[in-house]
């Protein structure tokens, strides 16, 4: 098990910004993918953005141009800068780490965007 510690969620008005952070504890294999998913009640968890250890990024169409994922590999940390937030971005955001066939999840952090 790899503990993932998230921070940075909260309440923000539409048009505002938030930055999420996720740190993986311990020594992890350097070749991995870290990213963010989100989930609202009654819906499946959906991809927001991912970043490989080779800095290849992938974004959901709904967040392209507004969200930016970045990594600090030396710190085993991934960030999600969220700008121009919309009420439909409201969700619990989960950090995700993939190493080979293994997948790890953070506990989730609530992001609420008010209109």
PDB file of N, CA and C in Angstrom:
ATOM      1  N   UNK A   1       0.834  -1.190   0.000  1.00  0.00           N
ATOM      2  CA  UNK A   1       0.000   0.000   0.000  1.00  0.00           C
ATOM      3  C   UNK A   1       0.874   1.249   0.000  1.00  0.00           C
ATOM      4  N   UNK A   2       0.493   2.234  -0.792  1.00  0.00           N
ATOM      5  CA  UNK A   2       1.200   3.510  -0.854  1.00  0.00           C
ATOM      6  C   UNK A   2       0.250   4.603  -0.388  1.00  0.00           C
ATOM      7  N   UNK A   3       0.488   5.174   0.785  1.00  0.00           N
ATOM      8  CA  UNK A   3      -0.382   6.259   1.242  1.00  0.00           C
ATOM      9  C   UNK A   3      -0.254   7.489   0.343  1.00  0.00           C
ATOM     10  N   UNK A   4      -1.404   8.054  -0.012  1.00  0.00           N
ATOM     11  CA  UNK A   4      -1.449   9.279  -0.791  1.00  0.00           C
ATOM     12  C   UNK A   4      -2.162  10.333   0.049  1.00  0.00           C
ATOM     13  N   UNK A   5      -1.495  11.438   0.286  1.00  0.00           N
ATOM     14  CA  UNK A   5      -2.043  12.495   1.138  1.00  0.00           C
ATOM     15  C   UNK A   5      -2.391  13.694   0.274  1.00  0.00           C
ATOM     16  N   UNK A   6      -3.686  14.021   0.257  1.00  0.00           N
ATOM     17  CA  UNK A   6      -4.180  15.120  -0.573  1.00  0.00           C
ATOM     18  C   UNK A   6      -4.424  16.350   0.279  1.00  0.00           C
ATOM     19  N   UNK A   7      -4.352  17.504  -0.372  1.00  0.00           N
ATOM     20  CA  UNK A   7      -4.699  18.755   0.289  1.00  0.00           C
ATOM     21  C   UNK A   7      -5.095  19.775  -0.764  1.00  0.00           C
ATOM     22  N   UNK A   8      -5.765  20.835  -0.310  1.00  0.00           N
ATOM     23  CA  UNK A   8      -6.041  21.958  -1.195  1.00  0.00           C
ATOM     24  C   UNK A   8      -7.474  22.128  -1.637  1.00  0.00           C
ATOM     25  N   UNK A   9      -8.359  21.217  -1.275  1.00  0.00           N
ATOM     26  CA  UNK A   9      -9.755  21.399  -1.651  1.00  0.00           C
ATOM     27  C   UNK A   9     -10.397  22.517  -0.859  1.00  0.00           C
ATOM     28  N   UNK A  10     -11.641  22.830  -1.213  1.00  0.00           N
ATOM     29  CA  UNK A  10     -12.359  23.861  -0.485  1.00  0.00           C
ATOM     30  C   UNK A  10     -13.504  24.434  -1.286  1.00  0.00           C
ATOM     31  N   UNK A  11     -13.970  25.581  -0.811  1.00  0.00           N
ATOM     32  CA  UNK A  11     -15.104  26.276  -1.432  1.00  0.00           C
ATOM     33  C   UNK A  11     -14.581  27.512  -2.156  1.00  0.00           C
ATOM     34  N   UNK A  12     -15.019  27.685  -3.390  1.00  0.00           N
ATOM     35  CA  UNK A  12     -14.586  28.835  -4.173  1.00  0.00           C
ATOM     36  C   UNK A  12     -15.740  29.287  -5.053  1.00  0.00           C
ATOM     37  N   UNK A  13     -15.752  30.562  -5.386  1.00  0.00           N
ATOM     38  CA  UNK A  13     -16.777  31.075  -6.290  1.00  0.00           C
ATOM     39  C   UNK A  13     -16.425  30.736  -7.740  1.00  0.00           C
ATOM     40  N   UNK A  14     -17.447  30.681  -8.557  1.00  0.00           N
ATOM     41  CA  UNK A  14     -17.229  30.429  -9.983  1.00  0.00           C
ATOM     42  C   UNK A  14     -16.256  31.472 -10.543  1.00  0.00           C
ATOM     43  N   UNK A  15     -15.339  30.990 -11.380  1.00  0.00           N
ATOM     44  CA  UNK A  15     -14.305  31.855 -11.925  1.00  0.00           C
ATOM     45  C   UNK A  15     -13.031  31.877 -11.099  1.00  0.00           C
ATOM     46  N   UNK A  16     -13.100  31.323  -9.917  1.00  0.00           N
ATOM     47  CA  UNK A  16     -11.944  31.319  -9.030  1.00  0.00           C
ATOM     48  C   UNK A  16     -10.994  30.172  -9.312  1.00  0.00           C
ATOM     49  N   UNK A  17      -9.988  30.056  -8.446  1.00  0.00           N
ATOM     50  CA  UNK A  17      -8.932  29.053  -8.633  1.00  0.00           C
ATOM     51  C   UNK A  17      -8.685  28.294  -7.342  1.00  0.00           C
ATOM     52  N   UNK A  18      -8.239  27.067  -7.504  1.00  0.00           N
ATOM     53  CA  UNK A  18      -7.770  26.246  -6.394  1.00  0.00           C
ATOM     54  C   UNK A  18      -6.595  25.415  -6.882  1.00  0.00           C
ATOM     55  N   UNK A  19      -5.744  25.022  -5.940  1.00  0.00           N
ATOM     56  CA  UNK A  19      -4.624  24.145  -6.278  1.00  0.00           C
ATOM     57  C   UNK A  19      -4.655  22.939  -5.355  1.00  0.00           C
ATOM     58  N   UNK A  20      -4.733  21.769  -5.944  1.00  0.00           N
ATOM     59  CA  UNK A  20      -4.706  20.530  -5.192  1.00  0.00           C
ATOM     60  C   UNK A  20      -3.291  19.958  -5.203  1.00  0.00           C
ATOM     61  N   UNK A  21      -2.931  19.331  -4.090  1.00  0.00           N
ATOM     62  CA  UNK A  21      -1.638  18.662  -3.982  1.00  0.00           C
ATOM     63  C   UNK A  21      -1.852  17.242  -3.506  1.00  0.00           C
ATOM     64  N   UNK A  22      -0.968  16.361  -3.940  1.00  0.00           N
ATOM     65  CA  UNK A  22      -1.025  14.968  -3.503  1.00  0.00           C
ATOM     66  C   UNK A  22       0.397  14.451  -3.389  1.00  0.00           C
ATOM     67  N   UNK A  23       0.742  13.971  -2.209  1.00  0.00           N
ATOM     68  CA  UNK A  23       2.077  13.448  -1.968  1.00  0.00           C
ATOM     69  C   UNK A  23       2.000  11.956  -1.670  1.00  0.00           C
ATOM     70  N   UNK A  24       2.841  11.183  -2.344  1.00  0.00           N
ATOM     71  CA  UNK A  24       2.930   9.747  -2.094  1.00  0.00           C
ATOM     72  C   UNK A  24       4.034   9.500  -1.081  1.00  0.00           C
ATOM     73  N   UNK A  25       3.690   8.765  -0.035  1.00  0.00           N
ATOM     74  CA  UNK A  25       4.664   8.507   1.025  1.00  0.00           C
ATOM     75  C   UNK A  25       5.570   7.343   0.678  1.00  0.00           C
ATOM     76  N   UNK A  26       6.794   7.409   1.172  1.00  0.00           N
ATOM     77  CA  UNK A  26       7.714   6.301   1.008  1.00  0.00           C
ATOM     78  C   UNK A  26       8.411   6.312  -0.338  1.00  0.00           C
ATOM     79  N   UNK A  27       9.195   5.277  -0.560  1.00  0.00           N
ATOM     80  CA  UNK A  27       9.900   5.143  -1.828  1.00  0.00           C
ATOM     81  C   UNK A  27       8.985   4.467  -2.838  1.00  0.00           C
ATOM     82  N   UNK A  28       8.774   5.122  -3.955  1.00  0.00           N
ATOM     83  CA  UNK A  28       7.960   4.520  -5.000  1.00  0.00           C
ATOM     84  C   UNK A  28       8.786   4.382  -6.260  1.00  0.00           C
ATOM     85  N   UNK A  29       8.423   3.386  -7.052  1.00  0.00           N
ATOM     86  CA  UNK A  29       9.124   3.144  -8.306  1.00  0.00           C
ATOM     87  C   UNK A  29       9.024   4.374  -9.178  1.00  0.00           C
ATOM     88  N   UNK A  30      10.158   4.772  -9.745  1.00  0.00           N
ATOM     89  CA  UNK A  30      10.217   6.056 -10.434  1.00  0.00           C
ATOM     90  C   UNK A  30       9.386   6.098 -11.702  1.00  0.00           C
ATOM     91  N   UNK A  31       9.082   4.936 -12.295  1.00  0.00           N
ATOM     92  CA  UNK A  31       8.252   4.926 -13.500  1.00  0.00           C
ATOM     93  C   UNK A  31       6.804   4.709 -13.071  1.00  0.00           C
ATOM     94  N   UNK A  32       6.010   5.765 -13.175  1.00  0.00           N
ATOM     95  CA  UNK A  32       4.644   5.672 -12.693  1.00  0.00           C
ATOM     96  C   UNK A  32       3.793   6.748 -13.355  1.00  0.00           C
ATOM     97  N   UNK A  33       2.516   6.679 -13.090  1.00  0.00           N
ATOM     98  CA  UNK A  33       1.580   7.705 -13.540  1.00  0.00           C
ATOM     99  C   UNK A  33       0.822   8.210 -12.324  1.00  0.00           C
ATOM    100  N   UNK A  34       0.782   9.512 -12.173  1.00  0.00           N
ATOM    101  CA  UNK A  34       0.004  10.119 -11.088  1.00  0.00           C
ATOM    102  C   UNK A  34      -1.062  11.003 -11.720  1.00  0.00           C
ATOM    103  N   UNK A  35      -2.163  11.128 -11.037  1.00  0.00           N
ATOM    104  CA  UNK A  35      -3.215  11.934 -11.623  1.00  0.00           C
ATOM    105  C   UNK A  35      -4.354  12.202 -10.678  1.00  0.00           C
ATOM    106  N   UNK A  36      -5.391  12.792 -11.233  1.00  0.00           N
ATOM    107  CA  UNK A  36      -6.575  13.177 -10.478  1.00  0.00           C
ATOM    108  C   UNK A  36      -7.830  12.691 -11.184  1.00  0.00           C
ATOM    109  N   UNK A  37      -8.741  12.192 -10.379  1.00  0.00           N
ATOM    110  CA  UNK A  37     -10.074  11.801 -10.826  1.00  0.00           C
ATOM    111  C   UNK A  37     -11.068  12.526  -9.942  1.00  0.00           C
ATOM    112  N   UNK A  38     -12.320  12.583 -10.381  1.00  0.00           N
ATOM    113  CA  UNK A  38     -13.344  13.213  -9.554  1.00  0.00           C
ATOM    114  C   UNK A  38     -14.645  12.434  -9.638  1.00  0.00           C
ATOM    115  N   UNK A  39     -15.458  12.630  -8.606  1.00  0.00           N
ATOM    116  CA  UNK A  39     -16.710  11.888  -8.522  1.00  0.00           C
ATOM    117  C   UNK A  39     -17.767  12.724  -7.844  1.00  0.00           C
ATOM    118  N   UNK A  40     -18.964  12.695  -8.411  1.00  0.00           N
ATOM    119  CA  UNK A  40     -20.129  13.325  -7.797  1.00  0.00           C
ATOM    120  C   UNK A  40     -21.126  12.229  -7.436  1.00  0.00           C
ATOM    121  N   UNK A  41     -22.021  12.513  -6.493  1.00  0.00           N
ATOM    122  CA  UNK A  41     -22.966  11.476  -6.051  1.00  0.00           C
ATOM    123  C   UNK A  41     -23.759  10.881  -7.211  1.00  0.00           C
ATOM    124  N   UNK A  42     -23.824   9.575  -7.243  1.00  0.00           N
ATOM    125  CA  UNK A  42     -24.607   8.888  -8.257  1.00  0.00           C
ATOM    126  C   UNK A  42     -23.925   8.722  -9.594  1.00  0.00           C
ATOM    127  N   UNK A  43     -22.697   9.216  -9.691  1.00  0.00           N
ATOM    128  CA  UNK A  43     -21.980   9.109 -10.963  1.00  0.00           C
ATOM    129  C   UNK A  43     -20.688   8.335 -10.774  1.00  0.00           C
ATOM    130  N   UNK A  44     -20.175   7.811 -11.876  1.00  0.00           N
ATOM    131  CA  UNK A  44     -18.911   7.094 -11.831  1.00  0.00           C
ATOM    132  C   UNK A  44     -17.757   8.078 -11.681  1.00  0.00           C
ATOM    133  N   UNK A  45     -16.685   7.578 -11.089  1.00  0.00           N
ATOM    134  CA  UNK A  45     -15.489   8.383 -10.987  1.00  0.00           C
ATOM    135  C   UNK A  45     -14.935   8.610 -12.394  1.00  0.00           C
ATOM    136  N   UNK A  46     -14.529   9.856 -12.661  1.00  0.00           N
ATOM    137  CA  UNK A  46     -14.066  10.180 -14.001  1.00  0.00           C
ATOM    138  C   UNK A  46     -12.666  10.798 -13.963  1.00  0.00           C
ATOM    139  N   UNK A  47     -11.934  10.574 -15.032  1.00  0.00           N
ATOM    140  CA  UNK A  47     -10.594  11.127 -15.143  1.00  0.00           C
ATOM    141  C   UNK A  47     -10.652  12.639 -15.284  1.00  0.00           C
ATOM    142  N   UNK A  48      -9.752  13.311 -14.568  1.00  0.00           N
ATOM    143  CA  UNK A  48      -9.581  14.752 -14.740  1.00  0.00           C
ATOM    144  C   UNK A  48      -8.286  15.013 -15.517  1.00  0.00           C
ATOM    145  N   UNK A  49      -7.175  14.502 -14.971  1.00  0.00           N
ATOM    146  CA  UNK A  49      -5.881  14.703 -15.625  1.00  0.00           C
ATOM    147  C   UNK A  49      -4.890  13.700 -15.070  1.00  0.00           C
ATOM    148  N   UNK A  50      -3.961  13.275 -15.919  1.00  0.00           N
ATOM    149  CA  UNK A  50      -2.887  12.392 -15.477  1.00  0.00           C
ATOM    150  C   UNK A  50      -1.557  12.874 -16.042  1.00  0.00           C
ATOM    151  N   UNK A  51      -0.487  12.452 -15.376  1.00  0.00           N
ATOM    152  CA  UNK A  51       0.860  12.806 -15.815  1.00  0.00           C
ATOM    153  C   UNK A  51       1.776  11.632 -15.557  1.00  0.00           C
ATOM    154  N   UNK A  52       2.509  11.230 -16.586  1.00  0.00           N
ATOM    155  CA  UNK A  52       3.452  10.130 -16.400  1.00  0.00           C
ATOM    156  C   UNK A  52       4.771  10.676 -15.848  1.00  0.00           C
ATOM    157  N   UNK A  53       5.603   9.758 -15.389  1.00  0.00           N
ATOM    158  CA  UNK A  53       6.910  10.167 -14.898  1.00  0.00           C
ATOM    159  C   UNK A  53       7.772  10.718 -16.035  1.00  0.00           C
ATOM    160  N   UNK A  54       7.351  10.491 -17.282  1.00  0.00           N
ATOM    161  CA  UNK A  54       8.029  11.081 -18.433  1.00  0.00           C
ATOM    162  C   UNK A  54       7.372  12.371 -18.890  1.00  0.00           C
ATOM    163  N   UNK A  55       6.496  12.915 -18.040  1.00  0.00           N
ATOM    164  CA  UNK A  55       5.831  14.202 -18.280  1.00  0.00           C
ATOM    165  C   UNK A  55       4.884  14.189 -19.467  1.00  0.00           C
ATOM    166  N   UNK A  56       4.298  13.062 -19.741  1.00  0.00           N
ATOM    167  CA  UNK A  56       3.224  13.014 -20.731  1.00  0.00           C
ATOM    168  C   UNK A  56       1.919  13.231 -19.984  1.00  0.00           C
ATOM    169  N   UNK A  57       1.159  14.232 -20.407  1.00  0.00           N
ATOM    170  CA  UNK A  57      -0.069  14.582 -19.706  1.00  0.00           C
ATOM    171  C   UNK A  57      -1.302  14.250 -20.546  1.00  0.00           C
ATOM    172  N   UNK A  58      -2.396  14.060 -19.834  1.00  0.00           N
ATOM    173  CA  UNK A  58      -3.675  13.765 -20.467  1.00  0.00           C
ATOM    174  C   UNK A  58      -4.757  14.474 -19.671  1.00  0.00           C
ATOM    175  N   UNK A  59      -5.693  15.114 -20.367  1.00  0.00           N
ATOM    176  CA  UNK A  59      -6.742  15.868 -19.705  1.00  0.00           C
ATOM    177  C   UNK A  59      -8.114  15.463 -20.229  1.00  0.00           C
ATOM    178  N   UNK A  60      -9.100  15.523 -19.354  1.00  0.00           N
ATOM    179  CA  UNK A  60     -10.473  15.414 -19.804  1.00  0.00           C
ATOM    180  C   UNK A  60     -10.805  16.644 -20.640  1.00  0.00           C
ATOM    181  N   UNK A  61     -11.635  16.453 -21.650  1.00  0.00           N
ATOM    182  CA  UNK A  61     -11.993  17.583 -22.515  1.00  0.00           C
ATOM    183  C   UNK A  61     -12.617  18.718 -21.722  1.00  0.00           C
ATOM    184  N   UNK A  62     -13.344  18.384 -20.683  1.00  0.00           N
ATOM    185  CA  UNK A  62     -14.083  19.397 -19.919  1.00  0.00           C
ATOM    186  C   UNK A  62     -13.175  20.334 -19.131  1.00  0.00           C
ATOM    187  N   UNK A  63     -11.905  19.958 -18.948  1.00  0.00           N
ATOM    188  CA  UNK A  63     -11.001  20.799 -18.144  1.00  0.00           C
ATOM    189  C   UNK A  63      -9.837  21.351 -18.956  1.00  0.00           C
ATOM    190  N   UNK A  64      -9.714  20.951 -20.208  1.00  0.00           N
ATOM    191  CA  UNK A  64      -8.606  21.432 -21.035  1.00  0.00           C
ATOM    192  C   UNK A  64      -8.642  22.950 -21.121  1.00  0.00           C
ATOM    193  N   UNK A  65      -7.462  23.542 -20.958  1.00  0.00           N
ATOM    194  CA  UNK A  65      -7.350  24.994 -21.017  1.00  0.00           C
ATOM    195  C   UNK A  65      -7.635  25.684 -19.699  1.00  0.00           C
ATOM    196  N   UNK A  66      -8.176  24.942 -18.727  1.00  0.00           N
ATOM    197  CA  UNK A  66      -8.480  25.540 -17.417  1.00  0.00           C
ATOM    198  C   UNK A  66      -7.645  24.900 -16.304  1.00  0.00           C
ATOM    199  N   UNK A  67      -7.400  23.619 -16.392  1.00  0.00           N
ATOM    200  CA  UNK A  67      -6.652  22.891 -15.361  1.00  0.00           C
ATOM    201  C   UNK A  67      -5.259  22.549 -15.888  1.00  0.00           C
ATOM    202  N   UNK A  68      -4.292  22.533 -14.982  1.00  0.00           N
ATOM    203  CA  UNK A  68      -2.927  22.146 -15.341  1.00  0.00           C
ATOM    204  C   UNK A  68      -2.400  21.171 -14.296  1.00  0.00           C
ATOM    205  N   UNK A  69      -1.921  20.023 -14.771  1.00  0.00           N
ATOM    206  CA  UNK A  69      -1.324  19.049 -13.865  1.00  0.00           C
ATOM    207  C   UNK A  69       0.192  19.171 -13.961  1.00  0.00           C
ATOM    208  N   UNK A  70       0.856  19.037 -12.824  1.00  0.00           N
ATOM    209  CA  UNK A  70       2.311  19.102 -12.796  1.00  0.00           C
ATOM    210  C   UNK A  70       2.824  18.171 -11.706  1.00  0.00           C
ATOM    211  N   UNK A  71       4.106  17.880 -11.779  1.00  0.00           N
ATOM    212  CA  UNK A  71       4.701  16.939 -10.837  1.00  0.00           C
ATOM    213  C   UNK A  71       6.006  17.481 -10.285  1.00  0.00           C
ATOM    214  N   UNK A  72       6.304  17.059  -9.071  1.00  0.00           N
ATOM    215  CA  UNK A  72       7.619  17.252  -8.478  1.00  0.00           C
ATOM    216  C   UNK A  72       8.114  15.850  -8.137  1.00  0.00           C
ATOM    217  N   UNK A  73       8.802  15.244  -9.077  1.00  0.00           N
ATOM    218  CA  UNK A  73       9.148  13.829  -8.923  1.00  0.00           C
ATOM    219  C   UNK A  73      10.029  13.561  -7.704  1.00  0.00           C
ATOM    220  N   UNK A  74      10.910  14.499  -7.408  1.00  0.00           N
ATOM    221  CA  UNK A  74      11.784  14.307  -6.254  1.00  0.00           C
ATOM    222  C   UNK A  74      10.987  14.245  -4.952  1.00  0.00           C
ATOM    223  N   UNK A  75       9.795  14.817  -4.980  1.00  0.00           N
ATOM    224  CA  UNK A  75       8.946  14.829  -3.783  1.00  0.00           C
ATOM    225  C   UNK A  75       7.792  13.833  -3.902  1.00  0.00           C
ATOM    226  N   UNK A  76       7.759  13.060  -4.997  1.00  0.00           N
ATOM    227  CA  UNK A  76       6.635  12.140  -5.228  1.00  0.00           C
ATOM    228  C   UNK A  76       5.301  12.869  -5.091  1.00  0.00           C
ATOM    229  N   UNK A  77       5.243  14.057  -5.653  1.00  0.00           N
ATOM    230  CA  UNK A  77       4.074  14.904  -5.491  1.00  0.00           C
ATOM    231  C   UNK A  77       3.500  15.301  -6.842  1.00  0.00           C
ATOM    232  N   UNK A  78       2.174  15.339  -6.900  1.00  0.00           N
ATOM    233  CA  UNK A  78       1.493  15.816  -8.097  1.00  0.00           C
ATOM    234  C   UNK A  78       0.561  16.948  -7.701  1.00  0.00           C
ATOM    235  N   UNK A  79       0.444  17.933  -8.569  1.00  0.00           N
ATOM    236  CA  UNK A  79      -0.399  19.105  -8.314  1.00  0.00           C
ATOM    237  C   UNK A  79      -1.459  19.217  -9.407  1.00  0.00           C
ATOM    238  N   UNK A  80      -2.561  19.856  -9.045  1.00  0.00           N
ATOM    239  CA  UNK A  80      -3.583  20.190 -10.031  1.00  0.00           C
ATOM    240  C   UNK A  80      -3.977  21.639  -9.814  1.00  0.00           C
ATOM    241  N   UNK A  81      -3.557  22.497 -10.726  1.00  0.00           N
ATOM    242  CA  UNK A  81      -3.957  23.905 -10.689  1.00  0.00           C
ATOM    243  C   UNK A  81      -5.263  24.041 -11.452  1.00  0.00           C
ATOM    244  N   UNK A  82      -6.278  24.504 -10.764  1.00  0.00           N
ATOM    245  CA  UNK A  82      -7.601  24.618 -11.361  1.00  0.00           C
ATOM    246  C   UNK A  82      -7.996  26.085 -11.443  1.00  0.00           C
ATOM    247  N   UNK A  83      -8.130  26.592 -12.647  1.00  0.00           N
ATOM    248  CA  UNK A  83      -8.517  27.975 -12.885  1.00  0.00           C
ATOM    249  C   UNK A  83      -9.878  28.033 -13.560  1.00  0.00           C
ATOM    250  N   UNK A  84     -10.466  29.200 -13.534  1.00  0.00           N
ATOM    251  CA  UNK A  84     -11.772  29.409 -14.178  1.00  0.00           C
ATOM    252  C   UNK A  84     -12.760  28.325 -13.765  1.00  0.00           C
ATOM    253  N   UNK A  85     -12.837  28.075 -12.495  1.00  0.00           N
ATOM    254  CA  UNK A  85     -13.682  26.998 -12.006  1.00  0.00           C
ATOM    255  C   UNK A  85     -15.154  27.279 -12.266  1.00  0.00           C
ATOM    256  N   UNK A  86     -15.878  26.197 -12.533  1.00  0.00           N
ATOM    257  CA  UNK A  86     -17.305  26.267 -12.833  1.00  0.00           C
ATOM    258  C   UNK A  86     -18.066  25.441 -11.795  1.00  0.00           C
ATOM    259  N   UNK A  87     -19.341  25.741 -11.571  1.00  0.00           N
ATOM    260  CA  UNK A  87     -20.123  24.933 -10.629  1.00  0.00           C
ATOM    261  C   UNK A  87     -20.097  23.442 -10.977  1.00  0.00           C
ATOM    262  N   UNK A  88     -20.023  23.114 -12.235  1.00  0.00           N
ATOM    263  CA  UNK A  88     -19.999  21.702 -12.638  1.00  0.00           C
ATOM    264  C   UNK A  88     -18.683  21.011 -12.310  1.00  0.00           C
ATOM    265  N   UNK A  89     -17.697  21.762 -11.843  1.00  0.00           N
ATOM    266  CA  UNK A  89     -16.455  21.154 -11.369  1.00  0.00           C
ATOM    267  C   UNK A  89     -16.590  20.653  -9.929  1.00  0.00           C
ATOM    268  N   UNK A  90     -17.696  20.978  -9.290  1.00  0.00           N
ATOM    269  CA  UNK A  90     -17.916  20.534  -7.916  1.00  0.00           C
ATOM    270  C   UNK A  90     -17.914  19.016  -7.850  1.00  0.00           C
ATOM    271  N   UNK A  91     -17.070  18.466  -6.972  1.00  0.00           N
ATOM    272  CA  UNK A  91     -16.923  17.014  -6.858  1.00  0.00           C
ATOM    273  C   UNK A  91     -15.931  16.706  -5.744  1.00  0.00           C
ATOM    274  N   UNK A  92     -15.842  15.432  -5.419  1.00  0.00           N
ATOM    275  CA  UNK A  92     -14.718  14.961  -4.601  1.00  0.00           C
ATOM    276  C   UNK A  92     -13.605  14.571  -5.567  1.00  0.00           C
ATOM    277  N   UNK A  93     -12.454  15.131  -5.356  1.00  0.00           N
ATOM    278  CA  UNK A  93     -11.301  14.880  -6.212  1.00  0.00           C
ATOM    279  C   UNK A  93     -10.374  13.866  -5.534  1.00  0.00           C
ATOM    280  N   UNK A  94      -9.998  12.838  -6.288  1.00  0.00           N
ATOM    281  CA  UNK A  94      -9.172  11.760  -5.764  1.00  0.00           C
ATOM    282  C   UNK A  94      -7.831  11.731  -6.490  1.00  0.00           C
ATOM    283  N   UNK A  95      -6.785  11.641  -5.709  1.00  0.00           N
ATOM    284  CA  UNK A  95      -5.456  11.437  -6.258  1.00  0.00           C
ATOM    285  C   UNK A  95      -5.299   9.961  -6.619  1.00  0.00           C
ATOM    286  N   UNK A  96      -4.558   9.713  -7.678  1.00  0.00           N
ATOM    287  CA  UNK A  96      -4.379   8.346  -8.169  1.00  0.00           C
ATOM    288  C   UNK A  96      -2.919   8.122  -8.534  1.00  0.00           C
ATOM    289  N   UNK A  97      -2.419   6.946  -8.163  1.00  0.00           N
ATOM    290  CA  UNK A  97      -1.051   6.560  -8.498  1.00  0.00           C
ATOM    291  C   UNK A  97      -1.090   5.174  -9.132  1.00  0.00           C
ATOM    292  N   UNK A  98      -0.485   5.048 -10.297  1.00  0.00           N
ATOM    293  CA  UNK A  98      -0.385   3.745 -10.960  1.00  0.00           C
ATOM    294  C   UNK A  98       1.082   3.376 -11.109  1.00  0.00           C
ATOM    295  N   UNK A  99       1.428   2.190 -10.603  1.00  0.00           N
ATOM    296  CA  UNK A  99       2.769   1.648 -10.763  1.00  0.00           C
ATOM    297  C   UNK A  99       2.598   0.233 -11.313  1.00  0.00           C
ATOM    298  N   UNK A 100       2.925   0.063 -12.562  1.00  0.00           N
ATOM    299  CA  UNK A 100       2.711  -1.241 -13.180  1.00  0.00           C
ATOM    300  C   UNK A 100       1.237  -1.598 -13.155  1.00  0.00           C
ATOM    301  N   UNK A 101       0.916  -2.770 -12.574  1.00  0.00           N
ATOM    302  CA  UNK A 101      -0.482  -3.207 -12.493  1.00  0.00           C
ATOM    303  C   UNK A 101      -1.158  -2.759 -11.205  1.00  0.00           C
ATOM    304  N   UNK A 102      -0.450  -2.033 -10.367  1.00  0.00           N
ATOM    305  CA  UNK A 102      -1.002  -1.611  -9.085  1.00  0.00           C
ATOM    306  C   UNK A 102      -1.538  -0.185  -9.158  1.00  0.00           C
ATOM    307  N   UNK A 103      -2.696   0.015  -8.514  1.00  0.00           N
ATOM    308  CA  UNK A 103      -3.341   1.324  -8.478  1.00  0.00           C
ATOM    309  C   UNK A 103      -3.629   1.699  -7.035  1.00  0.00           C
ATOM    310  N   UNK A 104      -3.340   2.934  -6.688  1.00  0.00           N
ATOM    311  CA  UNK A 104      -3.558   3.437  -5.336  1.00  0.00           C
ATOM    312  C   UNK A 104      -4.382   4.714  -5.411  1.00  0.00           C
ATOM    313  N   UNK A 105      -5.212   4.918  -4.374  1.00  0.00           N
ATOM    314  CA  UNK A 105      -6.091   6.084  -4.329  1.00  0.00           C
ATOM    315  C   UNK A 105      -5.892   6.857  -3.033  1.00  0.00           C
ATOM    316  N   UNK A 106      -6.047   8.174  -3.138  1.00  0.00           N
ATOM    317  CA  UNK A 106      -6.098   9.005  -1.946  1.00  0.00           C
ATOM    318  C   UNK A 106      -7.490   8.960  -1.346  1.00  0.00           C
ATOM    319  N   UNK A 107      -7.651   9.646  -0.228  1.00  0.00           N
ATOM    320  CA  UNK A 107      -8.915   9.604   0.489  1.00  0.00           C
ATOM    321  C   UNK A 107      -9.954  10.550  -0.107  1.00  0.00           C
ATOM    322  N   UNK A 108      -9.532  11.446  -0.962  1.00  0.00           N
ATOM    323  CA  UNK A 108     -10.444  12.375  -1.607  1.00  0.00           C
ATOM    324  C   UNK A 108     -10.492  13.721  -0.905  1.00  0.00           C
ATOM    325  N   UNK A 109     -10.646  14.768  -1.689  1.00  0.00           N
ATOM    326  CA  UNK A 109     -10.785  16.112  -1.142  1.00  0.00           C
ATOM    327  C   UNK A 109     -11.927  16.815  -1.871  1.00  0.00           C
ATOM    328  N   UNK A 110     -12.788  17.470  -1.092  1.00  0.00           N
ATOM    329  CA  UNK A 110     -13.985  18.090  -1.667  1.00  0.00           C
ATOM    330  C   UNK A 110     -13.638  19.434  -2.299  1.00  0.00           C
ATOM    331  N   UNK A 111     -14.117  19.619  -3.507  1.00  0.00           N
ATOM    332  CA  UNK A 111     -14.040  20.907  -4.186  1.00  0.00           C
ATOM    333  C   UNK A 111     -15.470  21.347  -4.481  1.00  0.00           C
ATOM    334  N   UNK A 112     -15.834  22.518  -3.983  1.00  0.00           N
ATOM    335  CA  UNK A 112     -17.176  23.048  -4.195  1.00  0.00           C
ATOM    336  C   UNK A 112     -17.062  24.414  -4.848  1.00  0.00           C
ATOM    337  N   UNK A 113     -17.729  24.569  -5.983  1.00  0.00           N
ATOM    338  CA  UNK A 113     -17.708  25.828  -6.727  1.00  0.00           C
ATOM    339  C   UNK A 113     -19.112  26.418  -6.693  1.00  0.00           C
ATOM    340  N   UNK A 114     -19.245  27.572  -6.099  1.00  0.00           N
ATOM    341  CA  UNK A 114     -20.552  28.210  -5.983  1.00  0.00           C
ATOM    342  C   UNK A 114     -20.784  29.149  -7.159  1.00  0.00           C
ATOM    343  N   UNK A 115     -22.040  29.263  -7.550  1.00  0.00           N
ATOM    344  CA  UNK A 115     -22.381  30.116  -8.703  1.00  0.00           C
ATOM    345  C   UNK A 115     -22.681  31.527  -8.268  1.00  0.00           C
TER     346      UNK A 115
END
